[in-house]
Amino acid sequence: MEAWSKPINLTHQIVTRVAQTVQRYGKTSFIWNGKTPRVIVCDPEMMREVLLDKQGQFQKPPVNPLIKLLSMGLTSLEGEEWAKRRRVISPAFHLEKLKGMMPAFYTSCIDLIKRWENLTSTEGICEIDVWPEFECVTGEAISRTAFGSSFIEGKKIFELQKEQAVLVMEAAYQASATITIRTSHAITIDDLMEECKLFYFAGRETTSAWLTWTVLLLAIHPSWQQRAREEVLNTCGKNNTPDFESLSHLKIVTMILHEVLRSYPPVTSLYRHTTKKTKLGNFSFPAGVDLLLPTILIHHDQEFWGEDAEEFEPERFSEGVSKASEVQNAFFPFGWGPRTGLGQNFAIIEAKIALATILQHFSFQLSPSYSHAPFTVITLQPQYGAHIMLHQL
């Protein structure tokens, strides 16, 4: 099979009922989700109004009981309960705390580099599927930062969490027995277990998907790969550990990571639910209406991103996120407003360290066996793997 080398055209590659409905009926349209009307909102200003809601008019939709078994935590709470939990958890993701986690991030990346060096040691090149590799490295990084010396116990919980939803309760049981509680008594042990499950599940899935698409896109666009490598080598050197200061100077790497998030957002849609009769833009909705905010469609809309919206063009972020699109609210890979993903900075630092470390040691190109088939299973993933040819530098 020939390697995929066409422009990124996600809105055609991922043909969903939502995309077809928007194309046919416009950016504010609706479909039925069983017996519940689901309004598709593709207008950035209306989306901003929904995501900045402080009055509780737009809340998370009722959750399937099976999903509750998998992971709940902060994302499932509303109102004062949500605010209280977020205040307790937020200090764990403070910038100074994240700086202290960087050695753990780097250790996990070095383990990855050593594993890849062994694979390429004979001929200097090998074919590899980076998707499971990045699942492994992000899982290890979270285990190290969350569990410290109890790294092995952390890995056990990850493996359980990959099983069917019915096994997640066993993971919670192990978590309660192994984690060291450093928070205040503002939340219970059950609350803490839920947050650990969420941190593990969401952190691993989103960052591993992000890194996978980044490597694939740099394999497809070798000129950007080379520009990023030159920046890393000039800033960090060949063998030096990327520290917090050096990461802040990686402008090209940051542009690339932003463009990947625009092109392949790990979470393709956000969902909200009206709790009462609510006015939104020029529309009035009764209580009980689902709102679907299709991140991936907004990120590929030519009205907001220009005629090259389907192209990989990191340069669009050269002046930062706020000037990348025609409207400021068209880029929201981690959500928007008060419920923006709490682990956003954690993921950004982890992604920068991983990418910088890989670029120091390897170059890569698409494998002939790669088949381009993005699909969504919680996050946006490569259905048939992410096969590249890895060259040791």
Protein backbone atom coordinates (compact mmCIF):
# COMPACT_ATOMS: atom_id res chain seq x y z
CA MET A 1 0.00 0.00 0.00
CA GLU A 2 1.37 3.42 -0.91
CA ALA A 3 2.05 5.89 1.87
CA TRP A 4 -0.63 8.50 2.39
CA SER A 5 0.59 11.93 1.26
CA LYS A 6 -2.53 13.95 0.45
CA PRO A 7 -3.47 17.24 2.18
CA ILE A 8 -5.18 16.96 5.54
CA ASN A 9 -8.86 17.00 4.72
CA LEU A 10 -10.44 15.85 7.94
CA THR A 11 -13.89 17.18 7.19
CA HIS A 12 -13.98 14.76 4.25
CA GLN A 13 -12.00 11.96 5.85
CA ILE A 14 -14.33 11.90 8.85
CA VAL A 15 -17.76 12.11 7.23
CA THR A 16 -20.21 12.18 10.12
CA ARG A 17 -23.88 12.90 10.41
CA VAL A 18 -22.96 16.16 12.13
CA ALA A 19 -20.72 17.35 9.29
CA GLN A 20 -23.35 16.42 6.70
CA THR A 21 -26.09 18.19 8.67
CA VAL A 22 -24.05 21.39 9.00
CA GLN A 23 -23.17 21.33 5.32
CA ARG A 24 -26.81 20.93 4.36
CA TYR A 25 -28.66 23.07 6.92
CA GLY A 26 -26.13 25.56 8.23
CA LYS A 27 -23.96 26.24 11.27
CA THR A 28 -26.88 26.25 13.68
CA SER A 29 -28.98 23.19 12.97
CA PHE A 30 -30.22 20.16 14.86
CA ILE A 31 -30.47 16.40 14.80
CA TRP A 32 -32.23 13.90 17.03
CA ASN A 33 -30.30 11.89 19.57
CA GLY A 34 -32.89 9.25 20.30
CA LYS A 35 -35.80 11.26 21.75
CA THR A 36 -33.63 14.24 22.67
CA PRO A 37 -33.13 17.16 20.26
CA ARG A 38 -29.44 17.95 19.79
CA VAL A 39 -28.60 21.42 18.50
CA ILE A 40 -25.34 21.78 16.58
CA VAL A 41 -23.66 25.09 17.38
CA CYS A 42 -20.83 26.11 15.01
CA ASP A 43 -20.92 29.85 15.61
CA PRO A 44 -17.86 30.82 17.75
CA GLU A 45 -19.66 33.63 19.58
CA MET A 46 -22.54 31.37 20.53
CA MET A 47 -20.06 28.68 21.57
CA ARG A 48 -18.19 31.20 23.69
CA GLU A 49 -21.44 32.17 25.40
CA VAL A 50 -22.15 28.52 26.20
CA LEU A 51 -18.66 27.78 27.51
CA LEU A 52 -18.39 30.98 29.58
CA ASP A 53 -21.75 30.31 31.25
CA LYS A 54 -21.60 31.13 34.97
CA GLN A 55 -25.32 30.82 35.72
CA GLY A 56 -25.62 27.08 35.25
CA GLN A 57 -27.83 27.32 32.17
CA PHE A 58 -25.59 25.03 30.12
CA GLN A 59 -24.36 21.97 31.99
CA LYS A 60 -22.85 18.63 31.04
CA PRO A 61 -25.51 16.26 29.64
CA PRO A 62 -26.76 13.38 31.80
CA VAL A 63 -24.11 10.66 31.77
CA ASN A 64 -24.62 7.05 30.76
CA PRO A 65 -24.18 4.90 33.91
CA LEU A 66 -21.52 2.82 32.15
CA ILE A 67 -19.43 5.94 31.56
CA LYS A 68 -19.62 6.67 35.28
CA LEU A 69 -17.80 3.40 35.90
CA LEU A 70 -14.98 4.50 33.63
CA SER A 71 -14.12 7.96 34.94
CA MET A 72 -16.02 10.84 36.48
CA GLY A 73 -14.27 13.26 38.82
CA LEU A 74 -14.26 17.01 38.23
CA THR A 75 -15.73 16.86 34.72
CA SER A 76 -19.01 15.41 36.03
CA LEU A 77 -19.69 18.05 38.70
CA GLU A 78 -21.66 21.26 38.46
CA GLY A 79 -22.22 24.45 40.46
CA GLU A 80 -20.68 24.95 43.88
CA GLU A 81 -19.63 21.30 44.12
CA TRP A 82 -17.58 21.73 40.94
CA ALA A 83 -16.09 25.03 42.11
CA LYS A 84 -15.09 23.56 45.48
CA ARG A 85 -13.45 20.50 43.91
CA ARG A 86 -11.59 22.62 41.35
CA ARG A 87 -10.20 24.91 44.06
CA VAL A 88 -8.84 21.89 45.91
CA ILE A 89 -7.27 20.27 42.84
CA SER A 90 -5.93 23.35 41.02
CA PRO A 91 -2.77 23.77 43.16
CA ALA A 92 -1.53 20.38 41.94
CA PHE A 93 -1.34 21.85 38.42
CA HIS A 94 0.30 25.13 39.39
CA LEU A 95 3.23 26.08 37.16
CA GLU A 96 5.78 25.62 39.93
CA LYS A 97 4.41 22.14 40.61
CA LEU A 98 4.67 21.29 36.91
CA LYS A 99 8.29 22.43 36.82
CA GLY A 100 8.98 19.93 39.57
CA MET A 101 7.40 17.18 37.47
CA MET A 102 9.70 17.77 34.50
CA PRO A 103 12.40 15.25 35.59
CA ALA A 104 9.71 12.55 35.65
CA PHE A 105 8.55 13.58 32.17
CA TYR A 106 12.11 13.49 30.88
CA THR A 107 12.86 10.10 32.46
CA SER A 108 9.88 8.59 30.63
CA CYS A 109 11.05 10.15 27.35
CA ILE A 110 14.58 8.83 27.79
CA ASP A 111 13.16 5.34 28.32
CA LEU A 112 11.36 5.77 24.98
CA ILE A 113 14.55 6.96 23.25
CA LYS A 114 16.53 3.98 24.56
CA ARG A 115 13.84 1.59 23.40
CA TRP A 116 13.87 3.13 19.92
CA GLU A 117 17.67 3.15 19.78
CA ASN A 118 17.66 -0.59 20.46
CA LEU A 119 15.16 -1.11 17.65
CA THR A 120 17.30 0.85 15.17
CA SER A 121 20.71 -0.31 16.42
CA THR A 122 21.34 -2.91 13.71
CA GLU A 123 20.58 -1.00 10.52
CA GLY A 124 19.96 2.51 11.86
CA ILE A 125 16.35 2.37 10.64
CA CYS A 126 13.19 0.46 11.48
CA GLU A 127 9.43 0.63 11.02
CA ILE A 128 7.43 1.39 14.13
CA ASP A 129 3.83 2.15 15.11
CA VAL A 130 4.18 5.22 17.33
CA TRP A 131 0.57 5.18 18.60
CA PRO A 132 1.08 2.44 21.24
CA GLU A 133 4.55 3.86 21.93
CA PHE A 134 3.09 7.22 22.92
CA GLU A 135 0.35 5.55 24.93
CA CYS A 136 3.14 3.90 26.86
CA VAL A 137 5.29 6.99 27.40
CA THR A 138 2.40 9.22 28.50
CA GLY A 139 1.13 6.50 30.80
CA GLU A 140 4.56 6.14 32.36
CA ALA A 141 4.92 9.91 32.79
CA ILE A 142 1.59 10.16 34.60
CA SER A 143 2.42 7.14 36.74
CA ARG A 144 5.71 8.68 37.80
CA THR A 145 4.29 12.11 38.58
CA ALA A 146 1.19 10.78 40.35
CA PHE A 147 2.74 7.87 42.21
CA GLY A 148 6.41 8.73 42.62
CA SER A 149 8.10 5.72 44.14
CA SER A 150 4.92 3.66 43.64
CA PHE A 151 5.49 3.67 39.89
CA ILE A 152 4.78 -0.06 39.50
CA GLU A 153 1.45 0.28 41.31
CA GLY A 154 0.56 3.14 39.00
CA LYS A 155 1.22 1.01 35.94
CA LYS A 156 -1.05 -1.70 37.34
CA ILE A 157 -3.92 0.77 37.59
CA PHE A 158 -3.35 1.91 34.02
CA GLU A 159 -3.58 -1.62 32.72
CA LEU A 160 -6.80 -2.19 34.65
CA GLN A 161 -8.22 1.03 33.27
CA LYS A 162 -7.70 -0.22 29.72
CA GLU A 163 -9.94 -3.20 30.44
CA GLN A 164 -13.71 -3.15 30.13
CA ALA A 165 -15.60 -0.60 32.20
CA VAL A 166 -16.62 -3.22 34.75
CA LEU A 167 -12.99 -3.58 35.81
CA VAL A 168 -12.51 0.09 36.62
CA MET A 169 -13.84 -0.35 40.11
CA GLU A 170 -10.97 -2.72 40.80
CA ALA A 171 -8.60 0.01 39.60
CA ALA A 172 -10.19 2.41 42.06
CA TYR A 173 -9.70 -0.13 44.83
CA GLN A 174 -6.00 -0.45 44.01
CA ALA A 175 -5.66 3.32 43.82
CA SER A 176 -7.00 3.73 47.33
CA ALA A 177 -4.40 1.28 48.57
CA THR A 178 -1.37 2.74 46.82
CA ILE A 179 -1.68 6.50 46.41
CA THR A 180 -0.21 8.86 48.98
CA ILE A 181 -2.73 11.53 49.91
CA ARG A 182 -1.20 15.01 49.97
CA THR A 183 -4.37 17.08 49.61
CA SER A 184 -6.42 18.56 52.35
CA HIS A 185 -9.49 16.83 53.80
CA ALA A 186 -11.73 19.01 51.63
CA ILE A 187 -12.46 15.95 49.50
CA THR A 188 -13.07 12.35 50.51
CA ILE A 189 -11.02 9.30 49.57
CA ASP A 190 -13.73 8.36 47.05
CA ASP A 191 -13.49 11.83 45.50
CA LEU A 192 -9.72 11.47 45.30
CA MET A 193 -10.01 8.10 43.59
CA GLU A 194 -12.32 9.60 40.96
CA GLU A 195 -9.87 12.42 40.26
CA CYS A 196 -7.00 9.93 39.92
CA LYS A 197 -9.02 7.85 37.46
CA LEU A 198 -9.83 10.97 35.45
CA PHE A 199 -6.23 12.20 35.51
CA TYR A 200 -4.97 8.83 34.31
CA PHE A 201 -7.58 8.30 31.63
CA ALA A 202 -7.90 11.80 30.18
CA GLY A 203 -4.23 12.71 30.52
CA ARG A 204 -2.96 9.62 28.82
CA GLU A 205 -5.50 9.50 25.99
CA THR A 206 -5.30 13.14 24.93
CA THR A 207 -1.52 13.61 25.06
CA SER A 208 -0.71 10.31 23.37
CA ALA A 209 -3.12 11.15 20.52
CA TRP A 210 -1.61 14.64 20.25
CA LEU A 211 1.95 13.31 19.98
CA THR A 212 0.91 10.63 17.49
CA TRP A 213 -0.63 13.10 15.05
CA THR A 214 2.34 15.44 15.54
CA VAL A 215 4.87 12.81 14.49
CA LEU A 216 2.69 11.72 11.56
CA LEU A 217 2.32 15.28 10.29
CA LEU A 218 6.04 15.98 10.65
CA ALA A 219 6.71 12.76 8.75
CA ILE A 220 4.44 14.04 5.97
CA HIS A 221 6.03 17.50 6.06
CA PRO A 222 9.81 16.96 6.36
CA SER A 223 10.62 20.65 5.95
CA TRP A 224 8.74 21.47 9.15
CA GLN A 225 10.36 18.49 10.85
CA GLN A 226 13.78 19.85 9.92
CA ARG A 227 12.91 23.38 11.07
CA ALA A 228 11.73 22.04 14.40
CA ARG A 229 14.86 19.89 14.83
CA GLU A 230 17.18 22.80 14.06
CA GLU A 231 15.37 24.92 16.64
CA VAL A 232 15.64 22.20 19.27
CA LEU A 233 19.35 21.61 18.60
CA ASN A 234 20.11 25.33 18.63
CA THR A 235 18.16 25.82 21.85
CA CYS A 236 18.79 22.61 23.79
CA GLY A 237 21.80 21.05 22.09
CA LYS A 238 22.13 17.43 20.99
CA ASN A 239 22.18 15.67 24.36
CA ASN A 240 21.09 18.28 26.90
CA THR A 241 17.89 17.85 28.86
CA PRO A 242 15.19 20.29 27.66
CA ASP A 243 14.48 22.38 30.76
CA PHE A 244 11.62 24.78 31.42
CA GLU A 245 13.58 27.80 30.21
CA SER A 246 14.59 26.18 26.92
CA LEU A 247 11.04 24.92 26.28
CA SER A 248 9.77 28.50 26.50
CA HIS A 249 12.05 29.45 23.57
CA LEU A 250 10.82 26.73 21.20
CA LYS A 251 8.65 28.95 19.02
CA ILE A 252 8.54 26.67 15.96
CA VAL A 253 7.78 23.60 18.08
CA THR A 254 4.95 25.52 19.76
CA MET A 255 3.53 26.61 16.39
CA ILE A 256 3.60 23.00 15.19
CA LEU A 257 1.91 21.66 18.32
CA HIS A 258 -0.84 24.28 18.04
CA GLU A 259 -1.41 23.48 14.37
CA VAL A 260 -1.67 19.78 15.17
CA LEU A 261 -4.29 20.55 17.83
CA ARG A 262 -6.19 22.60 15.29
CA SER A 263 -6.00 19.89 12.63
CA TYR A 264 -6.52 16.85 14.87
CA PRO A 265 -8.05 17.95 18.20
CA PRO A 266 -7.98 14.96 20.57
CA VAL A 267 -11.55 15.70 21.69
CA THR A 268 -13.55 16.35 18.53
CA SER A 269 -16.72 17.75 20.14
CA LEU A 270 -17.98 19.27 23.40
CA TYR A 271 -21.47 18.69 24.79
CA ARG A 272 -23.77 20.76 26.98
CA HIS A 273 -27.41 20.47 28.13
CA THR A 274 -29.92 23.23 28.83
CA THR A 275 -31.21 23.11 32.41
CA LYS A 276 -33.97 25.68 31.85
CA LYS A 277 -35.48 27.82 29.13
CA THR A 278 -32.49 29.65 27.73
CA LYS A 279 -31.74 32.31 25.13
CA LEU A 280 -28.65 31.76 23.00
CA GLY A 281 -27.84 34.16 20.20
CA ASN A 282 -31.07 34.68 18.29
CA PHE A 283 -32.51 31.40 19.50
CA SER A 284 -34.54 30.37 22.53
CA PHE A 285 -34.26 26.79 23.74
CA PRO A 286 -36.42 24.94 26.27
CA ALA A 287 -34.92 22.92 29.09
CA GLY A 288 -33.67 19.48 28.18
CA VAL A 289 -31.97 20.29 24.87
CA ASP A 290 -28.51 18.91 24.12
CA LEU A 291 -25.98 21.29 22.55
CA LEU A 292 -23.18 19.86 20.41
CA LEU A 293 -20.14 22.07 19.87
CA PRO A 294 -18.13 20.36 17.09
CA THR A 295 -14.56 21.42 17.76
CA ILE A 296 -13.21 19.67 14.69
CA LEU A 297 -15.60 21.44 12.30
CA ILE A 298 -14.80 24.86 13.78
CA HIS A 299 -11.07 24.11 13.52
CA HIS A 300 -11.46 23.39 9.79
CA ASP A 301 -13.90 26.12 8.83
CA GLN A 302 -12.54 28.23 5.95
CA GLU A 303 -14.57 31.22 7.15
CA PHE A 304 -12.43 31.34 10.28
CA TRP A 305 -9.11 29.94 9.03
CA GLY A 306 -8.93 30.90 5.37
CA GLU A 307 -8.82 28.89 2.17
CA ASP A 308 -5.89 26.84 3.48
CA ALA A 309 -7.90 25.55 6.47
CA GLU A 310 -7.36 21.97 5.32
CA GLU A 311 -3.61 22.42 4.96
CA PHE A 312 -0.92 21.88 7.59
CA GLU A 313 0.38 25.40 8.10
CA PRO A 314 1.98 26.06 11.52
CA GLU A 315 2.92 29.56 10.38
CA ARG A 316 -0.64 30.65 11.06
CA PHE A 317 0.26 30.55 14.78
CA SER A 318 3.43 32.64 14.37
CA GLU A 319 1.86 35.54 16.26
CA GLY A 320 0.17 33.40 18.87
CA VAL A 321 -3.24 31.81 19.22
CA SER A 322 -5.23 35.05 19.39
CA LYS A 323 -4.17 36.15 15.87
CA ALA A 324 -4.21 32.74 14.20
CA SER A 325 -7.83 32.89 12.99
CA GLU A 326 -10.31 35.49 11.81
CA VAL A 327 -12.14 35.26 15.14
CA GLN A 328 -10.54 34.69 18.54
CA ASN A 329 -12.89 31.93 19.62
CA ALA A 330 -12.22 29.51 16.78
CA PHE A 331 -9.44 27.56 18.56
CA PHE A 332 -10.38 25.63 21.70
CA PRO A 333 -8.69 22.19 21.78
CA PHE A 334 -8.84 22.15 25.60
CA GLY A 335 -12.26 23.74 25.90
CA TRP A 336 -12.98 27.34 26.80
CA GLY A 337 -13.87 29.41 29.83
CA PRO A 338 -13.95 28.31 33.47
CA ARG A 339 -14.12 24.62 32.54
CA THR A 340 -11.00 24.68 30.40
CA GLY A 341 -9.09 21.43 30.93
CA LEU A 342 -7.21 21.65 34.21
CA GLY A 343 -4.39 19.49 32.85
CA GLN A 344 -3.75 21.72 29.83
CA ASN A 345 -0.34 22.99 31.00
CA PHE A 346 0.63 19.48 32.10
CA ALA A 347 -0.10 18.19 28.59
CA ILE A 348 1.71 21.07 26.84
CA ILE A 349 4.91 20.60 28.85
CA GLU A 350 4.79 16.84 28.39
CA ALA A 351 4.27 17.17 24.62
CA LYS A 352 7.11 19.69 24.23
CA ILE A 353 9.58 17.56 26.18
CA ALA A 354 8.65 14.41 24.24
CA LEU A 355 8.84 16.06 20.82
CA ALA A 356 12.08 17.90 21.57
CA THR A 357 13.75 14.73 22.87
CA ILE A 358 12.67 12.69 19.84
CA LEU A 359 13.91 15.36 17.41
CA GLN A 360 17.31 15.35 19.14
CA HIS A 361 17.80 11.65 18.36
CA PHE A 362 15.69 10.64 15.34
CA SER A 363 14.31 11.66 11.99
CA PHE A 364 11.26 9.91 10.55
CA GLN A 365 9.11 9.52 7.47
CA LEU A 366 5.83 7.79 6.69
CA SER A 367 5.96 4.05 6.26
CA PRO A 368 4.51 2.64 3.01
CA SER A 369 2.18 0.61 5.24
CA TYR A 370 0.55 3.69 6.77
CA SER A 371 -3.16 4.03 6.01
CA HIS A 372 -4.79 7.36 6.83
CA ALA A 373 -8.01 6.65 8.74
CA PRO A 374 -8.72 8.99 11.67
CA PHE A 375 -11.58 7.80 13.86
CA THR A 376 -12.95 8.71 17.25
CA VAL A 377 -12.94 6.39 20.25
CA ILE A 378 -13.16 8.95 23.05
CA THR A 379 -10.20 10.71 21.39
CA LEU A 380 -9.29 11.12 17.71
CA GLN A 381 -7.04 8.16 16.90
CA PRO A 382 -5.39 6.53 13.85
CA GLN A 383 -7.62 3.52 13.21
CA TYR A 384 -4.92 1.37 11.61
CA GLY A 385 -1.99 2.62 13.64
CA ALA A 386 0.63 5.29 13.00
CA HIS A 387 3.45 3.55 11.13
CA ILE A 388 6.63 5.50 10.41
CA MET A 389 10.16 4.70 9.32
CA LEU A 390 12.45 5.71 12.17
CA HIS A 391 16.06 6.81 11.46
CA GLN A 392 18.60 7.12 14.25
CA LEU A 393 20.66 10.32 13.93
